[in-house]
C-alpha atoms as a PDB file:
ATOM      1  CA  MET A   1      -6.172  44.118  22.985  1.00  0.00           C
ATOM      2  CA  ARG A   2      -3.423  46.670  23.070  1.00  0.00           C
ATOM      3  CA  LEU A   3      -2.706  45.754  18.970  1.00  0.00           C
ATOM      4  CA  LEU A   4      -6.190  46.474  18.345  1.00  0.00           C
ATOM      5  CA  ALA A   5      -5.641  49.559  20.618  1.00  0.00           C
ATOM      6  CA  ALA A   6      -3.321  50.076  18.233  1.00  0.00           C
ATOM      7  CA  LEU A   7      -4.433  49.264  14.727  1.00  0.00           C
ATOM      8  CA  GLY A   8      -7.375  51.233  15.108  1.00  0.00           C
ATOM      9  CA  GLY A   9      -6.405  54.245  16.670  1.00  0.00           C
ATOM     10  CA  LEU A  10      -6.211  57.773  15.274  1.00  0.00           C
ATOM     11  CA  ARG A  11      -2.412  57.294  14.621  1.00  0.00           C
ATOM     12  CA  ALA A  12      -2.430  54.085  12.657  1.00  0.00           C
ATOM     13  CA  VAL A  13      -5.181  55.901  10.490  1.00  0.00           C
ATOM     14  CA  LEU A  14      -3.156  58.579   9.676  1.00  0.00           C
ATOM     15  CA  THR A  15      -0.171  56.399   9.376  1.00  0.00           C
ATOM     16  CA  VAL A  16      -2.258  54.901   6.445  1.00  0.00           C
ATOM     17  CA  LEU A  17      -3.879  57.737   4.791  1.00  0.00           C
ATOM     18  CA  THR A  18       0.232  59.332   5.065  1.00  0.00           C
ATOM     19  CA  ALA A  19       1.346  56.357   3.296  1.00  0.00           C
ATOM     20  CA  ILE A  20      -1.555  55.833   0.328  1.00  0.00           C
ATOM     21  CA  THR A  21      -1.136  59.597  -0.062  1.00  0.00           C
ATOM     22  CA  ALA A  22       2.547  59.376  -0.902  1.00  0.00           C
ATOM     23  CA  LEU A  23       2.291  56.505  -2.771  1.00  0.00           C
ATOM     24  CA  TYR A  24      -0.211  58.020  -5.052  1.00  0.00           C
ATOM     25  CA  MET A  25       1.675  61.208  -4.793  1.00  0.00           C
ATOM     26  CA  GLY A  26       5.071  59.245  -6.459  1.00  0.00           C
ATOM     27  CA  LEU A  27       3.145  57.495  -8.619  1.00  0.00           C
ATOM     28  CA  VAL A  28       1.429  60.753 -10.392  1.00  0.00           C
ATOM     29  CA  VAL A  29       5.090  62.014 -10.622  1.00  0.00           C
ATOM     30  CA  LEU A  30       7.048  58.644 -11.829  1.00  0.00           C
ATOM     31  CA  GLY A  31       3.691  58.492 -14.160  1.00  0.00           C
ATOM     32  CA  ASN A  32       4.610  62.491 -15.459  1.00  0.00           C
ATOM     33  CA  VAL A  33       8.082  61.952 -15.739  1.00  0.00           C
ATOM     34  CA  THR A  34       7.979  58.064 -18.106  1.00  0.00           C
ATOM     35  CA  ASP A  35       4.825  59.406 -19.903  1.00  0.00           C
ATOM     36  CA  HIS A  36       5.832  62.829 -20.451  1.00  0.00           C
ATOM     37  CA  GLY A  37       4.113  63.925 -23.944  1.00  0.00           C
ATOM     38  CA  THR A  38       0.797  62.241 -22.765  1.00  0.00           C
ATOM     39  CA  ASN A  39       0.877  64.107 -19.484  1.00  0.00           C
ATOM     40  CA  ARG A  40       1.836  67.348 -21.269  1.00  0.00           C
ATOM     41  CA  ALA A  41      -0.407  67.001 -23.694  1.00  0.00           C
ATOM     42  CA  PHE A  42      -3.068  68.035 -21.237  1.00  0.00           C
ATOM     43  CA  VAL A  43      -1.317  70.590 -19.863  1.00  0.00           C
ATOM     44  CA  GLU A  44      -1.480  72.236 -23.551  1.00  0.00           C
ATOM     45  CA  HIS A  45      -5.183  71.350 -24.376  1.00  0.00           C
ATOM     46  CA  VAL A  46      -6.305  73.131 -20.919  1.00  0.00           C
ATOM     47  CA  PHE A  47      -4.374  75.742 -21.533  1.00  0.00           C
ATOM     48  CA  ALA A  48      -5.027  76.252 -25.422  1.00  0.00           C
ATOM     49  CA  MET A  49      -8.628  75.959 -24.156  1.00  0.00           C
ATOM     50  CA  ASP A  50      -8.910  74.469 -27.958  1.00  0.00           C
ATOM     51  CA  THR A  51     -11.809  71.304 -26.788  1.00  0.00           C
ATOM     52  CA  THR A  52     -13.723  73.860 -25.272  1.00  0.00           C
ATOM     53  CA  PHE A  53     -16.830  76.175 -26.277  1.00  0.00           C
ATOM     54  CA  ARG A  54     -14.467  78.796 -28.316  1.00  0.00           C
ATOM     55  CA  SER A  55     -16.518  81.501 -26.909  1.00  0.00           C
ATOM     56  CA  PRO A  56     -14.880  84.626 -27.296  1.00  0.00           C
ATOM     57  CA  ASN A  57     -15.494  86.539 -23.957  1.00  0.00           C
ATOM     58  CA  THR A  58     -13.152  83.103 -22.501  1.00  0.00           C
ATOM     59  CA  MET A  59     -10.671  82.367 -25.086  1.00  0.00           C
ATOM     60  CA  TRP A  60      -8.679  85.366 -24.915  1.00  0.00           C
ATOM     61  CA  ARG A  61      -7.196  83.891 -21.925  1.00  0.00           C
ATOM     62  CA  ALA A  62      -5.821  80.871 -23.909  1.00  0.00           C
ATOM     63  CA  ILE A  63      -1.788  80.052 -23.352  1.00  0.00           C
ATOM     64  CA  THR A  64      -0.430  78.820 -26.374  1.00  0.00           C
ATOM     65  CA  ASP A  65       3.271  79.855 -26.299  1.00  0.00           C
ATOM     66  CA  GLN A  66       5.126  76.391 -25.742  1.00  0.00           C
ATOM     67  CA  GLY A  67       7.462  78.079 -23.539  1.00  0.00           C
ATOM     68  CA  VAL A  68       4.726  78.499 -20.678  1.00  0.00           C
ATOM     69  CA  VAL A  69       3.086  75.081 -21.578  1.00  0.00           C
ATOM     70  CA  THR A  70       6.305  73.173 -20.470  1.00  0.00           C
ATOM     71  CA  ALA A  71       7.546  75.706 -17.789  1.00  0.00           C
ATOM     72  CA  ALA A  72       3.796  75.220 -15.643  1.00  0.00           C
ATOM     73  CA  TYR A  73       4.447  71.840 -16.548  1.00  0.00           C
ATOM     74  CA  VAL A  74       7.574  70.912 -15.480  1.00  0.00           C
ATOM     75  CA  ALA A  75       5.607  73.042 -12.490  1.00  0.00           C
ATOM     76  CA  ILE A  76       3.429  70.803 -11.481  1.00  0.00           C
ATOM     77  CA  ILE A  77       5.174  67.862 -11.993  1.00  0.00           C
ATOM     78  CA  ILE A  78       8.026  69.839  -9.223  1.00  0.00           C
ATOM     79  CA  TRP A  79       5.154  70.514  -6.974  1.00  0.00           C
ATOM     80  CA  GLU A  80       3.819  66.868  -6.844  1.00  0.00           C
ATOM     81  CA  ALA A  81       7.255  65.381  -6.241  1.00  0.00           C
ATOM     82  CA  LEU A  82       7.899  67.532  -3.073  1.00  0.00           C
ATOM     83  CA  THR A  83       4.655  66.655  -2.285  1.00  0.00           C
ATOM     84  CA  ALA A  84       5.283  62.985  -2.411  1.00  0.00           C
ATOM     85  CA  LEU A  85       8.478  64.227  -0.633  1.00  0.00           C
ATOM     86  CA  VAL A  86       6.931  65.830   2.169  1.00  0.00           C
ATOM     87  CA  LEU A  87       4.099  63.069   2.635  1.00  0.00           C
ATOM     88  CA  ALA A  88       6.747  59.992   2.332  1.00  0.00           C
ATOM     89  CA  SER A  89       8.829  61.941   5.325  1.00  0.00           C
ATOM     90  CA  ALA A  90       5.360  62.020   7.106  1.00  0.00           C
ATOM     91  CA  LEU A  91       4.961  58.530   6.464  1.00  0.00           C
ATOM     92  CA  VAL A  92       8.541  58.017   8.618  1.00  0.00           C
ATOM     93  CA  ALA A  93       7.545  59.912  11.383  1.00  0.00           C
ATOM     94  CA  TRP A  94       4.417  58.423  11.784  1.00  0.00           C
ATOM     95  CA  VAL A  95       5.562  55.035  11.742  1.00  0.00           C
ATOM     96  CA  ARG A  96       8.657  56.499  15.074  1.00  0.00           C
ATOM     97  CA  ALA A  97       5.209  57.245  16.456  1.00  0.00           C
ATOM     98  CA  LEU A  98       3.036  54.121  16.396  1.00  0.00           C
ATOM     99  CA  THR A  99       6.504  52.074  17.466  1.00  0.00           C
ATOM    100  CA  GLY A 100       7.103  54.767  20.048  1.00  0.00           C
ATOM    101  CA  ARG A 101       9.955  56.072  19.448  1.00  0.00           C
ATOM    102  CA  ARG A 102       9.362  59.539  18.908  1.00  0.00           C
ATOM    103  CA  GLY A 103       6.001  61.499  19.531  1.00  0.00           C
ATOM    104  CA  ASP A 104       3.329  62.656  16.901  1.00  0.00           C
ATOM    105  CA  GLU A 105       3.605  66.287  16.515  1.00  0.00           C
ATOM    106  CA  THR A 106       6.349  66.077  13.902  1.00  0.00           C
ATOM    107  CA  ALA A 107       4.038  63.391  11.665  1.00  0.00           C
ATOM    108  CA  ARG A 108       1.135  65.617  11.848  1.00  0.00           C
ATOM    109  CA  ARG A 109       3.294  68.786  10.991  1.00  0.00           C
ATOM    110  CA  LEU A 110       4.601  66.953   8.076  1.00  0.00           C
ATOM    111  CA  SER A 111       1.380  65.099   7.021  1.00  0.00           C
ATOM    112  CA  SER A 112      -0.549  68.850   6.776  1.00  0.00           C
ATOM    113  CA  CYS A 113       1.954  70.379   5.286  1.00  0.00           C
ATOM    114  CA  GLY A 114       1.712  67.693   2.382  1.00  0.00           C
ATOM    115  CA  TRP A 115      -2.010  67.370   2.444  1.00  0.00           C
ATOM    116  CA  LEU A 116      -1.930  70.942   2.354  1.00  0.00           C
ATOM    117  CA  MET A 117       0.101  71.100  -0.619  1.00  0.00           C
ATOM    118  CA  GLN A 118      -1.845  68.475  -2.205  1.00  0.00           C
ATOM    119  CA  VAL A 119      -5.134  70.584  -2.061  1.00  0.00           C
ATOM    120  CA  THR A 120      -3.449  73.374  -3.145  1.00  0.00           C
ATOM    121  CA  LEU A 121      -2.393  72.121  -6.553  1.00  0.00           C
ATOM    122  CA  PHE A 122      -5.478  69.730  -7.022  1.00  0.00           C
ATOM    123  CA  ALA A 123      -8.249  72.178  -5.216  1.00  0.00           C
ATOM    124  CA  GLY A 124      -5.997  76.185  -6.705  1.00  0.00           C
ATOM    125  CA  GLY A 125      -4.170  74.599  -9.578  1.00  0.00           C
ATOM    126  CA  PHE A 126      -6.314  72.025 -11.821  1.00  0.00           C
ATOM    127  CA  ILE A 127     -10.027  72.746  -9.928  1.00  0.00           C
ATOM    128  CA  THR A 128      -9.797  76.708 -10.088  1.00  0.00           C
ATOM    129  CA  VAL A 129      -7.507  77.669 -12.440  1.00  0.00           C
ATOM    130  CA  GLY A 130      -7.936  74.785 -15.337  1.00  0.00           C
ATOM    131  CA  GLY A 131     -11.254  74.155 -14.411  1.00  0.00           C
ATOM    132  CA  GLU A 132     -12.614  77.785 -14.092  1.00  0.00           C
ATOM    133  CA  TRP A 133      -9.620  79.982 -15.516  1.00  0.00           C
ATOM    134  CA  PHE A 134      -9.429  77.612 -18.072  1.00  0.00           C
ATOM    135  CA  GLN A 135     -12.600  76.216 -18.620  1.00  0.00           C
ATOM    136  CA  MET A 136     -11.643  72.898 -18.383  1.00  0.00           C
ATOM    137  CA  TRP A 137     -14.988  72.168 -17.475  1.00  0.00           C
ATOM    138  CA  GLN A 138     -16.338  72.570 -20.736  1.00  0.00           C
ATOM    139  CA  SER A 139     -13.971  69.832 -22.839  1.00  0.00           C
ATOM    140  CA  SER A 140     -15.342  66.448 -22.856  1.00  0.00           C
ATOM    141  CA  GLN A 141     -11.620  65.020 -23.635  1.00  0.00           C
ATOM    142  CA  TRP A 142      -9.237  67.600 -21.315  1.00  0.00           C
ATOM    143  CA  ASN A 143     -11.276  67.743 -18.011  1.00  0.00           C
ATOM    144  CA  GLY A 144      -9.434  66.646 -15.389  1.00  0.00           C
ATOM    145  CA  LEU A 145     -12.180  68.412 -12.783  1.00  0.00           C
ATOM    146  CA  GLN A 146     -13.386  64.437 -11.828  1.00  0.00           C
ATOM    147  CA  PRO A 147      -9.844  63.293 -10.599  1.00  0.00           C
ATOM    148  CA  ALA A 148      -8.985  66.949  -9.258  1.00  0.00           C
ATOM    149  CA  LEU A 149     -11.965  66.717  -6.921  1.00  0.00           C
ATOM    150  CA  GLN A 150     -10.903  63.314  -5.530  1.00  0.00           C
ATOM    151  CA  ASN A 151      -7.810  64.512  -4.725  1.00  0.00           C
ATOM    152  CA  PHE A 152      -9.056  67.481  -3.317  1.00  0.00           C
ATOM    153  CA  LEU A 153     -10.977  65.537  -0.942  1.00  0.00           C
ATOM    154  CA  VAL A 154      -8.528  62.933   0.361  1.00  0.00           C
ATOM    155  CA  ALA A 155      -6.164  65.356   1.353  1.00  0.00           C
ATOM    156  CA  SER A 156      -8.833  67.297   3.161  1.00  0.00           C
ATOM    157  CA  VAL A 157     -10.007  64.261   4.818  1.00  0.00           C
ATOM    158  CA  GLY A 158      -6.567  63.553   6.284  1.00  0.00           C
ATOM    159  CA  LEU A 159      -6.582  67.756   6.852  1.00  0.00           C
ATOM    160  CA  VAL A 160      -9.528  66.867   8.882  1.00  0.00           C
ATOM    161  CA  LEU A 161      -8.444  64.058  10.924  1.00  0.00           C
ATOM    162  CA  VAL A 162      -4.838  65.434  10.986  1.00  0.00           C
ATOM    163  CA  HIS A 163      -6.213  68.360  13.151  1.00  0.00           C
ATOM    164  CA  LEU A 164      -8.925  66.666  15.067  1.00  0.00           C
ATOM    165  CA  PRO A 165      -8.030  66.977  19.110  1.00  0.00           C
ATOM    166  CA  ARG A 166      -6.042  64.963  21.317  1.00  0.00           C
ATOM    167  CA  PRO A 167      -7.402  62.606  23.216  1.00  0.00           C
ATOM    168  CA  THR A 168      -5.631  63.517  26.820  1.00  0.00           C
ATOM    169  CA  ALA A 169      -4.208  60.287  28.039  1.00  0.00           C
ATOM    170  CA  ALA A 170      -5.519  59.659  32.107  1.00  0.00           C
ATOM    171  CA  PRO A 171      -2.586  58.353  33.863  1.00  0.00           C
ATOM    172  CA  PRO A 172      -2.661  54.627  34.900  1.00  0.00           C
ATOM    173  CA  ASP A 173      -3.833  54.970  37.562  1.00  0.00           C
ATOM    174  CA  ALA A 174      -6.624  57.685  37.784  1.00  0.00           C
ATOM    175  CA  ARG A 175     -10.305  55.795  38.600  1.00  0.00           C
ATOM    176  CA  PRO A 176     -13.229  57.160  37.269  1.00  0.00           C
ATOM    177  CA  THR A 177     -14.588  59.303  39.804  1.00  0.00           C
ATOM    178  CA  ALA A 178     -18.604  58.877  40.900  1.00  0.00           C
ATOM    179  CA  THR A 179     -20.790  62.068  39.819  1.00  0.00           C
ATOM    180  CA  PRO A 180     -23.417  62.350  42.655  1.00  0.00           C
ATOM    181  CA  PRO A 181     -26.902  61.564  41.511  1.00  0.00           C
ATOM    182  CA  ASP A 182     -28.391  65.052  41.477  1.00  0.00           C
ATOM    183  CA  ALA A 183     -25.375  66.913  39.828  1.00  0.00           C
END
């Protein structure tokens, strides 16, 4: 029963979700570094707006300067790497909390920070800036809104879970009190 209580508890859920998102963000960084050209092309085409409807009312937003594109791509990779590191640190803290070596406050704060960084990147960077400012939603070839939304949702679920009120444990000798019938 004790094992079921531990594995079915909120700490275990948060530990697993933190592990999954830390691994995911680490793999994203690995992909962006090892397949630099393909992933940079995504940023380049989104910034250039070359596969959008090309409305003269929005094309002034396009950025084709290769230095700016490269700087933005490198900044994205750095943000992703920092997010992966924060979430990996949170995972270590959750494992310590699960094994009883530490409380879970550090793990909660690190997970919250990592998921907020993930929300910032995918909702702020990809959905808002890429999707709306650079009109990525208009492109059939370079539209990353669906993956960005998936990342935003996973991180948002983590943020909601990690900020749920913590149940206070009753002392082991506490007995439930009977409620009077007319209360």
